[in-house]
Amino acid sequence: MKTVEEIKAAIETAVPGASIEIVPNASPSGQLSLLLAPNHAVAVAEFLRDDAELALDFLSNATGIDWPDKEITEKVKVMRQVLKTVDGAEKMVEETVDETRKHVQPGYLEVVYHLFSIEKKHGPVVIRMRTTNRTDQVQLPSLTPVWRSAEFQEREIFDLFGIVFTGHPDLRRLLMWDGFKDHPMRRDYVEPDDFEYEPTAHDEVLARSKAHQAAGQEGAGVGL
């Protein structure tokens, strides 16, 4: 099978204007992946499936990842006017100093697909897409029209992470009910404390539920 670099080059030749980035992997596997720009993702997926040499005809796995906002601290060199004594007299001189700066790197949601070729017996080729942010721009194109096995997996990602897959034939919650709020696999998700559970080993859940009920009763009493 072609290397990731060769696959990237083949995509860029076959799909003019496609933006492809090789994403490194620091794990022991060192498995590289290809980050696709959403606006050309479907065309790239069709090429990966239909190319005679690659023939990536099977999508085995799709998963979501939540990357929250991240504060970045870095040191930069800047020129400053500094008061110094030169030849017995105080003067303002320019000097290069280190300055610590902080900025927030906006978060995003990501979906990762693992592709194999049943025909050629090779793989995986790993492709990724990223949303613009985690709030109001969370749309990505569905790859279900290219690989039908993505259908339920994209529904699960929509349900648990909140990525909206445009072009999906049946995008609705899969694990949670329709009226459920939020997305449980987000890193900032806060579990509710008002669920009623049968006695189980999950004592902390029962404790939260009892505390919630007690607070509700106290609130009702105050209003009387």
N, C-alpha and C. Protein backbone atom coordinates (compact mmCIF):
# COMPACT_ATOMS: atom_id res chain seq x y z
N MET A 1 0.84 -1.20 0.00
CA MET A 1 0.00 0.00 0.00
C MET A 1 0.88 1.25 0.00
N LYS A 2 0.33 2.33 -0.55
CA LYS A 2 1.07 3.58 -0.58
C LYS A 2 1.30 4.12 0.84
N THR A 3 2.36 4.90 0.97
CA THR A 3 2.61 5.58 2.24
C THR A 3 1.60 6.71 2.41
N VAL A 4 1.51 7.26 3.62
CA VAL A 4 0.61 8.37 3.86
C VAL A 4 0.99 9.56 2.99
N GLU A 5 2.27 9.79 2.83
CA GLU A 5 2.73 10.90 1.97
C GLU A 5 2.30 10.69 0.53
N GLU A 6 2.39 9.46 0.05
CA GLU A 6 1.97 9.16 -1.33
C GLU A 6 0.46 9.28 -1.49
N ILE A 7 -0.28 8.87 -0.47
CA ILE A 7 -1.74 9.01 -0.53
C ILE A 7 -2.13 10.48 -0.55
N LYS A 8 -1.47 11.28 0.26
CA LYS A 8 -1.72 12.73 0.26
C LYS A 8 -1.49 13.32 -1.12
N ALA A 9 -0.38 12.96 -1.75
CA ALA A 9 -0.06 13.48 -3.08
C ALA A 9 -1.09 13.02 -4.10
N ALA A 10 -1.53 11.77 -4.00
CA ALA A 10 -2.52 11.23 -4.94
C ALA A 10 -3.85 11.95 -4.79
N ILE A 11 -4.24 12.26 -3.55
CA ILE A 11 -5.49 12.99 -3.32
C ILE A 11 -5.41 14.38 -3.94
N GLU A 12 -4.31 15.07 -3.70
CA GLU A 12 -4.17 16.44 -4.19
C GLU A 12 -4.16 16.49 -5.72
N THR A 13 -3.71 15.41 -6.35
CA THR A 13 -3.76 15.34 -7.82
C THR A 13 -5.17 15.06 -8.30
N ALA A 14 -5.86 14.16 -7.61
CA ALA A 14 -7.19 13.73 -8.05
C ALA A 14 -8.30 14.70 -7.69
N VAL A 15 -8.13 15.43 -6.58
CA VAL A 15 -9.16 16.36 -6.11
C VAL A 15 -8.55 17.76 -6.03
N PRO A 16 -8.59 18.51 -7.13
CA PRO A 16 -7.98 19.84 -7.14
C PRO A 16 -8.55 20.74 -6.04
N GLY A 17 -7.67 21.43 -5.35
CA GLY A 17 -8.09 22.35 -4.30
C GLY A 17 -8.26 21.71 -2.94
N ALA A 18 -8.15 20.38 -2.86
CA ALA A 18 -8.31 19.70 -1.58
C ALA A 18 -7.16 20.06 -0.65
N SER A 19 -7.50 20.39 0.58
CA SER A 19 -6.49 20.71 1.59
C SER A 19 -6.27 19.49 2.47
N ILE A 20 -5.06 18.95 2.44
CA ILE A 20 -4.73 17.74 3.19
C ILE A 20 -3.52 18.04 4.08
N GLU A 21 -3.63 17.65 5.33
CA GLU A 21 -2.51 17.83 6.26
C GLU A 21 -2.19 16.50 6.93
N ILE A 22 -0.92 16.17 7.00
CA ILE A 22 -0.51 14.94 7.70
C ILE A 22 -0.39 15.24 9.18
N VAL A 23 -1.11 14.47 9.98
CA VAL A 23 -1.11 14.66 11.44
C VAL A 23 -0.20 13.61 12.06
N PRO A 24 0.84 14.05 12.77
CA PRO A 24 1.76 13.10 13.41
C PRO A 24 1.11 12.39 14.58
N ASN A 25 1.74 11.32 15.03
CA ASN A 25 1.24 10.54 16.17
C ASN A 25 2.42 10.20 17.05
N ALA A 26 2.38 10.70 18.29
CA ALA A 26 3.51 10.50 19.20
C ALA A 26 3.44 9.18 19.96
N SER A 27 2.39 8.40 19.73
CA SER A 27 2.26 7.13 20.43
C SER A 27 3.25 6.11 19.87
N PRO A 28 3.44 4.98 20.55
CA PRO A 28 4.38 3.96 20.06
C PRO A 28 4.04 3.46 18.64
N SER A 29 2.75 3.49 18.28
CA SER A 29 2.39 3.01 16.94
C SER A 29 2.89 3.94 15.85
N GLY A 30 2.98 5.25 16.18
CA GLY A 30 3.45 6.22 15.20
C GLY A 30 2.56 6.31 13.97
N GLN A 31 1.31 5.94 14.10
CA GLN A 31 0.40 5.88 12.95
C GLN A 31 -0.02 7.28 12.52
N LEU A 32 0.37 7.68 11.33
CA LEU A 32 0.01 8.99 10.81
C LEU A 32 -1.42 8.99 10.31
N SER A 33 -2.01 10.18 10.25
CA SER A 33 -3.37 10.30 9.72
C SER A 33 -3.45 11.52 8.82
N LEU A 34 -4.54 11.61 8.08
CA LEU A 34 -4.74 12.69 7.13
C LEU A 34 -5.90 13.57 7.58
N LEU A 35 -5.62 14.85 7.79
CA LEU A 35 -6.65 15.81 8.17
C LEU A 35 -7.24 16.42 6.90
N LEU A 36 -8.56 16.25 6.72
CA LEU A 36 -9.24 16.73 5.52
C LEU A 36 -9.98 18.03 5.81
N ALA A 37 -9.94 18.96 4.87
CA ALA A 37 -10.78 20.15 4.96
C ALA A 37 -12.21 19.72 4.64
N PRO A 38 -13.19 20.14 5.44
CA PRO A 38 -14.56 19.67 5.24
C PRO A 38 -15.14 19.93 3.86
N ASN A 39 -14.77 21.03 3.22
CA ASN A 39 -15.40 21.37 1.94
C ASN A 39 -15.04 20.42 0.81
N HIS A 40 -13.98 19.63 0.96
CA HIS A 40 -13.62 18.64 -0.07
C HIS A 40 -13.64 17.21 0.48
N ALA A 41 -14.14 17.03 1.69
CA ALA A 41 -14.02 15.73 2.35
C ALA A 41 -14.77 14.62 1.61
N VAL A 42 -15.97 14.91 1.12
CA VAL A 42 -16.74 13.87 0.43
C VAL A 42 -16.05 13.45 -0.87
N ALA A 43 -15.55 14.42 -1.61
CA ALA A 43 -14.84 14.10 -2.86
C ALA A 43 -13.58 13.29 -2.56
N VAL A 44 -12.87 13.63 -1.49
CA VAL A 44 -11.68 12.87 -1.11
C VAL A 44 -12.07 11.45 -0.71
N ALA A 45 -13.14 11.32 0.06
CA ALA A 45 -13.59 10.00 0.48
C ALA A 45 -13.95 9.13 -0.72
N GLU A 46 -14.63 9.70 -1.70
CA GLU A 46 -14.99 8.95 -2.91
C GLU A 46 -13.74 8.49 -3.66
N PHE A 47 -12.73 9.36 -3.69
CA PHE A 47 -11.48 8.96 -4.34
C PHE A 47 -10.83 7.80 -3.61
N LEU A 48 -10.76 7.88 -2.28
CA LEU A 48 -10.14 6.81 -1.50
C LEU A 48 -10.88 5.48 -1.70
N ARG A 49 -12.17 5.55 -1.85
CA ARG A 49 -12.96 4.33 -2.06
C ARG A 49 -12.79 3.79 -3.48
N ASP A 50 -12.77 4.68 -4.46
CA ASP A 50 -12.85 4.26 -5.86
C ASP A 50 -11.50 4.09 -6.54
N ASP A 51 -10.44 4.62 -5.95
CA ASP A 51 -9.12 4.49 -6.57
C ASP A 51 -8.74 3.02 -6.70
N ALA A 52 -8.30 2.62 -7.88
CA ALA A 52 -8.04 1.20 -8.15
C ALA A 52 -6.95 0.63 -7.25
N GLU A 53 -5.97 1.43 -6.90
CA GLU A 53 -4.87 0.93 -6.08
C GLU A 53 -5.21 0.92 -4.59
N LEU A 54 -5.91 1.95 -4.13
CA LEU A 54 -6.25 2.02 -2.72
C LEU A 54 -7.48 1.17 -2.39
N ALA A 55 -8.57 1.38 -3.12
CA ALA A 55 -9.81 0.60 -2.97
C ALA A 55 -10.24 0.47 -1.51
N LEU A 56 -10.28 1.60 -0.81
CA LEU A 56 -10.66 1.59 0.61
C LEU A 56 -12.18 1.47 0.72
N ASP A 57 -12.65 0.26 0.64
CA ASP A 57 -14.08 -0.01 0.51
C ASP A 57 -14.79 -0.27 1.83
N PHE A 58 -14.07 -0.21 2.95
CA PHE A 58 -14.69 -0.52 4.23
C PHE A 58 -14.27 0.48 5.30
N LEU A 59 -15.27 1.12 5.91
CA LEU A 59 -15.03 1.99 7.05
C LEU A 59 -15.33 1.19 8.31
N SER A 60 -14.29 0.88 9.07
CA SER A 60 -14.47 0.00 10.22
C SER A 60 -14.88 0.75 11.47
N ASN A 61 -14.43 1.99 11.61
CA ASN A 61 -14.65 2.68 12.88
C ASN A 61 -14.66 4.19 12.66
N ALA A 62 -15.58 4.84 13.36
CA ALA A 62 -15.62 6.30 13.40
C ALA A 62 -15.81 6.71 14.85
N THR A 63 -15.05 7.67 15.28
CA THR A 63 -15.15 8.10 16.68
C THR A 63 -14.99 9.61 16.78
N GLY A 64 -15.50 10.18 17.86
CA GLY A 64 -15.39 11.62 18.08
C GLY A 64 -14.37 11.93 19.15
N ILE A 65 -13.85 13.15 19.12
CA ILE A 65 -12.92 13.66 20.12
C ILE A 65 -13.30 15.10 20.42
N ASP A 66 -13.27 15.46 21.69
CA ASP A 66 -13.53 16.83 22.10
C ASP A 66 -12.23 17.47 22.55
N TRP A 67 -11.89 18.59 21.90
CA TRP A 67 -10.69 19.35 22.26
C TRP A 67 -11.14 20.71 22.79
N PRO A 68 -11.23 20.88 24.12
CA PRO A 68 -11.67 22.16 24.69
C PRO A 68 -10.66 23.28 24.44
N ASP A 69 -11.09 24.51 24.76
CA ASP A 69 -10.17 25.65 24.69
C ASP A 69 -8.94 25.35 25.54
N LYS A 70 -7.80 25.83 25.07
CA LYS A 70 -6.54 25.55 25.77
C LYS A 70 -5.75 26.84 25.93
N GLU A 71 -5.30 27.10 27.17
CA GLU A 71 -4.48 28.28 27.42
C GLU A 71 -3.02 27.97 27.11
N ILE A 72 -2.43 28.77 26.24
CA ILE A 72 -1.05 28.58 25.82
C ILE A 72 -0.18 29.67 26.45
N THR A 73 0.89 29.25 27.11
CA THR A 73 1.87 30.20 27.67
C THR A 73 3.16 30.08 26.89
N GLU A 74 3.67 31.19 26.42
CA GLU A 74 4.90 31.17 25.64
C GLU A 74 5.75 32.39 25.95
N LYS A 75 7.05 32.23 25.77
CA LYS A 75 7.97 33.34 25.96
C LYS A 75 8.37 33.89 24.60
N VAL A 76 8.30 35.20 24.47
CA VAL A 76 8.69 35.85 23.23
C VAL A 76 9.70 36.96 23.54
N LYS A 77 10.54 37.23 22.58
CA LYS A 77 11.53 38.30 22.74
C LYS A 77 10.97 39.59 22.16
N VAL A 78 11.01 40.65 22.94
CA VAL A 78 10.48 41.94 22.50
C VAL A 78 11.52 43.03 22.77
N MET A 79 11.42 44.11 22.01
CA MET A 79 12.29 45.27 22.20
C MET A 79 11.61 46.25 23.14
N ARG A 80 12.35 46.68 24.16
CA ARG A 80 11.80 47.64 25.12
C ARG A 80 12.79 48.77 25.37
N GLN A 81 12.23 49.92 25.73
CA GLN A 81 13.06 51.05 26.15
C GLN A 81 13.39 50.87 27.64
N VAL A 82 14.68 50.79 27.95
CA VAL A 82 15.12 50.55 29.32
C VAL A 82 16.02 51.70 29.76
N LEU A 83 15.78 52.17 31.01
CA LEU A 83 16.61 53.26 31.53
C LEU A 83 17.90 52.67 32.08
N LYS A 84 19.05 53.09 31.50
CA LYS A 84 20.34 52.59 31.95
C LYS A 84 21.32 53.75 32.10
N THR A 85 22.33 53.46 32.91
CA THR A 85 23.39 54.45 33.10
C THR A 85 24.50 54.17 32.09
N VAL A 86 24.74 55.13 31.23
CA VAL A 86 25.77 54.99 30.20
C VAL A 86 26.73 56.16 30.32
N ASP A 87 28.01 55.84 30.57
CA ASP A 87 29.04 56.87 30.72
C ASP A 87 28.65 57.88 31.80
N GLY A 88 28.10 57.36 32.88
CA GLY A 88 27.75 58.21 34.02
C GLY A 88 26.44 58.94 33.88
N ALA A 89 25.75 58.77 32.76
CA ALA A 89 24.47 59.47 32.56
C ALA A 89 23.37 58.45 32.29
N GLU A 90 22.19 58.76 32.80
CA GLU A 90 21.05 57.86 32.57
C GLU A 90 20.46 58.13 31.19
N LYS A 91 20.28 57.04 30.44
CA LYS A 91 19.71 57.15 29.09
C LYS A 91 18.72 56.02 28.86
N MET A 92 17.77 56.30 27.96
CA MET A 92 16.83 55.26 27.54
C MET A 92 17.45 54.53 26.35
N VAL A 93 17.63 53.24 26.53
CA VAL A 93 18.22 52.45 25.44
C VAL A 93 17.28 51.29 25.12
N GLU A 94 17.37 50.82 23.89
CA GLU A 94 16.56 49.67 23.47
C GLU A 94 17.27 48.38 23.88
N GLU A 95 16.49 47.45 24.40
CA GLU A 95 17.07 46.19 24.85
C GLU A 95 16.08 45.06 24.57
N THR A 96 16.60 43.91 24.18
CA THR A 96 15.75 42.75 23.93
C THR A 96 15.53 42.01 25.25
N VAL A 97 14.26 41.81 25.59
CA VAL A 97 13.93 41.12 26.84
C VAL A 97 12.93 40.01 26.55
N ASP A 98 12.90 39.02 27.45
CA ASP A 98 11.92 37.94 27.35
C ASP A 98 10.63 38.37 28.03
N GLU A 99 9.53 38.10 27.35
CA GLU A 99 8.22 38.45 27.88
C GLU A 99 7.31 37.22 27.82
N THR A 100 6.60 36.94 28.90
CA THR A 100 5.68 35.81 28.94
C THR A 100 4.30 36.27 28.50
N ARG A 101 3.75 35.59 27.52
CA ARG A 101 2.42 35.93 27.02
C ARG A 101 1.52 34.70 27.06
N LYS A 102 0.26 34.97 27.29
CA LYS A 102 -0.73 33.90 27.32
C LYS A 102 -1.83 34.20 26.30
N HIS A 103 -2.29 33.14 25.65
CA HIS A 103 -3.43 33.29 24.77
C HIS A 103 -4.22 31.98 24.77
N VAL A 104 -5.47 32.08 24.41
CA VAL A 104 -6.34 30.91 24.41
C VAL A 104 -6.45 30.35 23.00
N GLN A 105 -6.13 29.08 22.87
CA GLN A 105 -6.29 28.39 21.59
C GLN A 105 -7.71 27.83 21.54
N PRO A 106 -8.53 28.30 20.61
CA PRO A 106 -9.94 27.86 20.59
C PRO A 106 -10.06 26.34 20.41
N GLY A 107 -11.03 25.77 21.07
CA GLY A 107 -11.25 24.33 20.97
C GLY A 107 -12.05 23.96 19.74
N TYR A 108 -12.17 22.68 19.50
CA TYR A 108 -12.93 22.18 18.36
C TYR A 108 -13.31 20.73 18.63
N LEU A 109 -14.18 20.21 17.79
CA LEU A 109 -14.56 18.80 17.83
C LEU A 109 -13.95 18.11 16.63
N GLU A 110 -13.62 16.85 16.80
CA GLU A 110 -12.94 16.12 15.73
C GLU A 110 -13.59 14.75 15.55
N VAL A 111 -13.61 14.30 14.31
CA VAL A 111 -14.08 12.94 14.01
C VAL A 111 -12.97 12.21 13.28
N VAL A 112 -12.75 10.95 13.66
CA VAL A 112 -11.66 10.14 13.10
C VAL A 112 -12.25 8.87 12.50
N TYR A 113 -11.87 8.58 11.25
CA TYR A 113 -12.36 7.39 10.55
C TYR A 113 -11.18 6.46 10.23
N HIS A 114 -11.39 5.15 10.41
CA HIS A 114 -10.40 4.14 10.04
C HIS A 114 -10.90 3.37 8.82
N LEU A 115 -10.10 3.40 7.76
CA LEU A 115 -10.50 2.80 6.48
C LEU A 115 -9.63 1.60 6.14
N PHE A 116 -10.28 0.58 5.57
CA PHE A 116 -9.57 -0.62 5.13
C PHE A 116 -10.03 -0.98 3.72
N SER A 117 -9.25 -1.81 3.07
CA SER A 117 -9.63 -2.38 1.78
C SER A 117 -9.84 -3.88 1.95
N ILE A 118 -11.08 -4.32 1.81
CA ILE A 118 -11.36 -5.75 1.82
C ILE A 118 -10.81 -6.39 0.56
N GLU A 119 -10.94 -5.66 -0.55
CA GLU A 119 -10.48 -6.19 -1.83
C GLU A 119 -8.97 -6.38 -1.85
N LYS A 120 -8.24 -5.35 -1.40
CA LYS A 120 -6.77 -5.39 -1.46
C LYS A 120 -6.13 -5.95 -0.19
N LYS A 121 -6.94 -6.11 0.85
CA LYS A 121 -6.44 -6.63 2.14
C LYS A 121 -5.34 -5.75 2.73
N HIS A 122 -5.61 -4.45 2.78
CA HIS A 122 -4.65 -3.55 3.44
C HIS A 122 -5.39 -2.46 4.21
N GLY A 123 -4.64 -1.74 5.02
CA GLY A 123 -5.18 -0.69 5.86
C GLY A 123 -4.60 -0.81 7.27
N PRO A 124 -4.95 0.06 8.18
CA PRO A 124 -5.91 1.14 7.94
C PRO A 124 -5.27 2.41 7.38
N VAL A 125 -6.10 3.21 6.74
CA VAL A 125 -5.79 4.60 6.43
C VAL A 125 -6.70 5.42 7.33
N VAL A 126 -6.10 6.33 8.09
CA VAL A 126 -6.86 7.11 9.08
C VAL A 126 -7.06 8.53 8.55
N ILE A 127 -8.32 8.96 8.51
CA ILE A 127 -8.63 10.33 8.08
C ILE A 127 -9.38 11.05 9.19
N ARG A 128 -9.25 12.37 9.21
CA ARG A 128 -9.86 13.20 10.25
C ARG A 128 -10.54 14.41 9.65
N MET A 129 -11.52 14.93 10.38
CA MET A 129 -12.11 16.24 10.09
C MET A 129 -12.30 16.98 11.42
N ARG A 130 -12.25 18.32 11.36
CA ARG A 130 -12.40 19.13 12.56
C ARG A 130 -13.42 20.23 12.33
N THR A 131 -14.21 20.51 13.37
CA THR A 131 -15.17 21.61 13.30
C THR A 131 -14.44 22.93 13.52
N THR A 132 -15.14 24.02 13.22
CA THR A 132 -14.55 25.34 13.43
C THR A 132 -14.42 25.66 14.91
N ASN A 133 -15.43 25.27 15.70
CA ASN A 133 -15.37 25.50 17.15
C ASN A 133 -16.21 24.44 17.85
N ARG A 134 -16.52 24.68 19.12
CA ARG A 134 -17.31 23.71 19.90
C ARG A 134 -18.71 24.24 20.21
N THR A 135 -19.08 25.37 19.65
CA THR A 135 -20.34 26.02 20.04
C THR A 135 -21.34 26.09 18.89
N ASP A 136 -21.16 27.04 17.99
CA ASP A 136 -22.17 27.26 16.96
C ASP A 136 -21.73 26.87 15.55
N GLN A 137 -20.51 26.40 15.42
CA GLN A 137 -20.02 25.96 14.09
C GLN A 137 -19.47 24.54 14.22
N VAL A 138 -20.40 23.60 14.36
CA VAL A 138 -20.03 22.21 14.64
C VAL A 138 -20.49 21.28 13.51
N GLN A 139 -20.63 21.82 12.30
CA GLN A 139 -21.08 21.01 11.17
C GLN A 139 -19.90 20.39 10.42
N LEU A 140 -20.06 19.13 10.05
CA LEU A 140 -19.11 18.44 9.19
C LEU A 140 -19.91 17.61 8.19
N PRO A 141 -19.38 17.37 7.00
CA PRO A 141 -20.12 16.56 6.03
C PRO A 141 -20.15 15.08 6.43
N SER A 142 -21.30 14.46 6.25
CA SER A 142 -21.42 13.03 6.53
C SER A 142 -20.71 12.22 5.46
N LEU A 143 -20.04 11.15 5.90
CA LEU A 143 -19.41 10.22 4.95
C LEU A 143 -20.26 8.96 4.78
N THR A 144 -21.47 8.97 5.33
CA THR A 144 -22.37 7.83 5.15
C THR A 144 -22.70 7.57 3.68
N PRO A 145 -22.89 8.61 2.84
CA PRO A 145 -23.14 8.32 1.43
C PRO A 145 -21.99 7.60 0.73
N VAL A 146 -20.80 7.67 1.31
CA VAL A 146 -19.64 7.00 0.72
C VAL A 146 -19.45 5.61 1.34
N TRP A 147 -19.53 5.55 2.67
CA TRP A 147 -19.41 4.26 3.38
C TRP A 147 -20.64 4.11 4.27
N ARG A 148 -21.52 3.19 3.95
CA ARG A 148 -22.78 3.05 4.70
C ARG A 148 -22.53 2.69 6.16
N SER A 149 -21.42 2.05 6.46
CA SER A 149 -21.12 1.67 7.85
C SER A 149 -20.91 2.88 8.75
N ALA A 150 -20.82 4.08 8.18
CA ALA A 150 -20.66 5.28 8.99
C ALA A 150 -21.99 5.75 9.59
N GLU A 151 -23.11 5.22 9.13
CA GLU A 151 -24.41 5.77 9.51
C GLU A 151 -24.65 5.77 11.02
N PHE A 152 -24.61 4.60 11.65
CA PHE A 152 -24.87 4.54 13.08
C PHE A 152 -23.75 5.16 13.90
N GLN A 153 -22.52 5.06 13.39
CA GLN A 153 -21.39 5.62 14.13
C GLN A 153 -21.44 7.14 14.14
N GLU A 154 -21.83 7.74 13.02
CA GLU A 154 -21.99 9.20 13.01
C GLU A 154 -23.17 9.63 13.89
N ARG A 155 -24.20 8.83 13.94
CA ARG A 155 -25.32 9.14 14.84
C ARG A 155 -24.86 9.11 16.29
N GLU A 156 -24.03 8.15 16.64
CA GLU A 156 -23.50 8.07 18.00
C GLU A 156 -22.64 9.29 18.32
N ILE A 157 -21.80 9.71 17.37
CA ILE A 157 -20.95 10.88 17.58
C ILE A 157 -21.81 12.14 17.70
N PHE A 158 -22.83 12.26 16.88
CA PHE A 158 -23.77 13.38 16.99
C PHE A 158 -24.40 13.41 18.38
N ASP A 159 -24.82 12.25 18.85
CA ASP A 159 -25.49 12.13 20.14
C ASP A 159 -24.56 12.50 21.29
N LEU A 160 -23.37 11.94 21.31
CA LEU A 160 -22.48 12.06 22.46
C LEU A 160 -21.55 13.27 22.42
N PHE A 161 -21.23 13.76 21.21
CA PHE A 161 -20.30 14.89 21.09
C PHE A 161 -20.96 16.15 20.52
N GLY A 162 -22.05 15.99 19.78
CA GLY A 162 -22.73 17.16 19.24
C GLY A 162 -22.28 17.60 17.86
N ILE A 163 -21.50 16.79 17.14
CA ILE A 163 -21.13 17.12 15.77
C ILE A 163 -22.34 16.89 14.87
N VAL A 164 -22.70 17.88 14.07
CA VAL A 164 -23.84 17.78 13.17
C VAL A 164 -23.34 17.38 11.78
N PHE A 165 -23.72 16.19 11.34
CA PHE A 165 -23.24 15.67 10.06
C PHE A 165 -24.24 16.03 8.96
N THR A 166 -23.87 17.03 8.16
CA THR A 166 -24.74 17.45 7.07
C THR A 166 -24.73 16.39 5.98
N GLY A 167 -25.92 16.09 5.45
CA GLY A 167 -26.04 15.07 4.41
C GLY A 167 -26.26 13.68 4.96
N HIS A 168 -26.33 13.55 6.28
CA HIS A 168 -26.61 12.24 6.88
C HIS A 168 -28.07 11.88 6.61
N PRO A 169 -28.37 10.63 6.24
CA PRO A 169 -29.74 10.27 5.88
C PRO A 169 -30.72 10.18 7.05
N ASP A 170 -30.22 10.07 8.29
CA ASP A 170 -31.13 9.87 9.42
C ASP A 170 -30.45 10.32 10.71
N LEU A 171 -30.09 11.60 10.78
CA LEU A 171 -29.32 12.09 11.91
C LEU A 171 -30.24 12.38 13.10
N ARG A 172 -30.19 11.53 14.10
CA ARG A 172 -30.95 11.69 15.34
C ARG A 172 -30.20 10.95 16.44
N ARG A 173 -30.58 11.22 17.68
CA ARG A 173 -29.91 10.59 18.80
C ARG A 173 -30.01 9.07 18.71
N LEU A 174 -28.95 8.42 19.19
CA LEU A 174 -28.88 6.97 19.12
C LEU A 174 -28.94 6.33 20.51
N LEU A 175 -28.25 6.91 21.47
CA LEU A 175 -28.19 6.34 22.82
C LEU A 175 -29.05 7.11 23.82
N MET A 176 -29.08 8.42 23.70
CA MET A 176 -29.87 9.24 24.60
C MET A 176 -31.23 9.54 23.96
N TRP A 177 -32.21 9.93 24.76
CA TRP A 177 -33.53 10.21 24.24
C TRP A 177 -33.59 11.60 23.62
N ASP A 178 -34.64 11.83 22.84
CA ASP A 178 -34.73 13.07 22.05
C ASP A 178 -34.69 14.32 22.91
N GLY A 179 -35.30 14.29 24.09
CA GLY A 179 -35.34 15.47 24.92
C GLY A 179 -34.11 15.68 25.78
N PHE A 180 -33.12 14.81 25.66
CA PHE A 180 -31.92 14.92 26.49
C PHE A 180 -31.13 16.15 26.09
N LYS A 181 -30.64 16.85 27.10
CA LYS A 181 -29.85 18.07 26.86
C LYS A 181 -28.36 17.75 26.92
N ASP A 182 -27.60 18.46 26.11
CA ASP A 182 -26.14 18.37 26.14
C ASP A 182 -25.65 17.06 25.51
N HIS A 183 -24.32 16.86 25.60
CA HIS A 183 -23.67 15.71 24.96
C HIS A 183 -22.70 15.08 25.94
N PRO A 184 -22.98 13.86 26.41
CA PRO A 184 -22.26 13.28 27.55
C PRO A 184 -20.77 13.04 27.37
N MET A 185 -20.26 13.01 26.14
CA MET A 185 -18.83 12.77 25.97
C MET A 185 -18.02 14.06 25.85
N ARG A 186 -18.69 15.21 25.94
CA ARG A 186 -17.95 16.47 25.99
C ARG A 186 -17.17 16.53 27.31
N ARG A 187 -15.98 17.09 27.26
CA ARG A 187 -15.13 17.10 28.45
C ARG A 187 -15.65 18.04 29.53
N ASP A 188 -16.48 18.99 29.16
CA ASP A 188 -17.03 19.89 30.16
C ASP A 188 -18.45 19.50 30.56
N TYR A 189 -18.86 18.30 30.19
CA TYR A 189 -20.21 17.83 30.52
C TYR A 189 -20.35 17.64 32.02
N VAL A 190 -21.46 18.11 32.57
CA VAL A 190 -21.75 17.97 33.99
C VAL A 190 -22.92 17.01 34.14
N GLU A 191 -22.71 15.92 34.87
CA GLU A 191 -23.76 14.94 35.05
C GLU A 191 -24.90 15.51 35.88
N PRO A 192 -26.13 15.22 35.51
CA PRO A 192 -27.26 15.68 36.33
C PRO A 192 -27.30 14.92 37.65
N ASP A 193 -27.95 15.53 38.64
CA ASP A 193 -28.00 14.88 39.95
C ASP A 193 -29.42 14.49 40.34
N ASP A 194 -30.36 14.54 39.38
CA ASP A 194 -31.75 14.30 39.74
C ASP A 194 -32.32 13.02 39.12
N PHE A 195 -31.43 12.12 38.67
CA PHE A 195 -31.90 10.85 38.14
C PHE A 195 -32.34 9.95 39.29
N GLU A 196 -33.39 9.18 39.09
CA GLU A 196 -33.83 8.21 40.07
C GLU A 196 -33.30 6.85 39.66
N TYR A 197 -32.43 6.28 40.47
CA TYR A 197 -31.83 4.99 40.18
C TYR A 197 -32.32 3.95 41.18
N GLU A 198 -32.43 2.72 40.73
CA GLU A 198 -32.63 1.63 41.67
C GLU A 198 -31.32 1.45 42.44
N PRO A 199 -31.40 0.91 43.68
CA PRO A 199 -30.16 0.73 44.44
C PRO A 199 -29.15 -0.11 43.67
N THR A 200 -27.99 0.45 43.48
CA THR A 200 -26.90 -0.23 42.76
C THR A 200 -25.61 0.04 43.50
N ALA A 201 -24.52 -0.39 42.89
CA ALA A 201 -23.20 -0.14 43.50
C ALA A 201 -22.76 1.31 43.32
N HIS A 202 -23.51 2.08 42.54
CA HIS A 202 -23.10 3.46 42.25
C HIS A 202 -23.59 4.38 43.37
N ASP A 203 -22.97 4.25 44.55
CA ASP A 203 -23.42 5.00 45.71
C ASP A 203 -23.35 6.51 45.51
N GLU A 204 -22.34 6.98 44.77
CA GLU A 204 -22.21 8.42 44.60
C GLU A 204 -23.36 8.99 43.78
N VAL A 205 -23.91 8.21 42.85
CA VAL A 205 -25.05 8.66 42.07
C VAL A 205 -26.28 8.77 42.97
N LEU A 206 -26.49 7.77 43.81
CA LEU A 206 -27.62 7.79 44.73
C LEU A 206 -27.49 8.96 45.71
N ALA A 207 -26.28 9.23 46.16
CA ALA A 207 -26.07 10.34 47.10
C ALA A 207 -26.42 11.67 46.43
N ARG A 208 -26.01 11.86 45.19
CA ARG A 208 -26.35 13.10 44.48
C ARG A 208 -27.85 13.24 44.30
N SER A 209 -28.50 12.13 43.97
CA SER A 209 -29.95 12.16 43.77
C SER A 209 -30.67 12.54 45.06
N LYS A 210 -30.25 11.95 46.19
CA LYS A 210 -30.88 12.26 47.48
C LYS A 210 -30.65 13.73 47.86
N ALA A 211 -29.43 14.20 47.61
CA ALA A 211 -29.14 15.60 47.92
C ALA A 211 -29.98 16.53 47.07
N HIS A 212 -30.18 16.18 45.80
CA HIS A 212 -31.00 16.99 44.90
C HIS A 212 -32.45 17.02 45.40
N GLN A 213 -32.96 15.86 45.77
CA GLN A 213 -34.34 15.78 46.25
C GLN A 213 -34.51 16.58 47.53
N ALA A 214 -33.54 16.47 48.44
CA ALA A 214 -33.60 17.22 49.70
C ALA A 214 -33.59 18.72 49.45
N ALA A 215 -32.76 19.16 48.51
CA ALA A 215 -32.70 20.59 48.18
C ALA A 215 -34.02 21.06 47.62
N GLY A 216 -34.62 20.20 46.79
CA GLY A 216 -35.92 20.56 46.21
C GLY A 216 -37.00 20.69 47.27
N GLN A 217 -36.98 19.80 48.25
CA GLN A 217 -37.98 19.85 49.32
C GLN A 217 -37.78 21.09 50.19
N GLU A 218 -36.52 21.43 50.46
CA GLU A 218 -36.24 22.63 51.25
C GLU A 218 -36.71 23.88 50.53
N GLY A 219 -36.45 23.90 49.19
CA GLY A 219 -36.90 25.04 48.40
C GLY A 219 -38.41 25.18 48.41
N ALA A 220 -39.09 24.04 48.33
CA ALA A 220 -40.55 24.07 48.35
C ALA A 220 -41.06 24.56 49.68
N GLY A 221 -40.36 24.18 50.80
CA GLY A 221 -40.77 24.61 52.13
C GLY A 221 -40.61 26.11 52.33
N VAL A 222 -39.54 26.68 51.76
CA VAL A 222 -39.30 28.11 51.91
C VAL A 222 -40.42 28.92 51.25
N GLY A 223 -40.94 28.38 50.15
CA GLY A 223 -41.96 29.13 49.43
C GLY A 223 -43.32 29.07 50.08
N LEU A 224 -43.51 28.22 51.11
CA LEU A 224 -44.83 28.09 51.75
C LEU A 224 -45.12 29.28 52.66
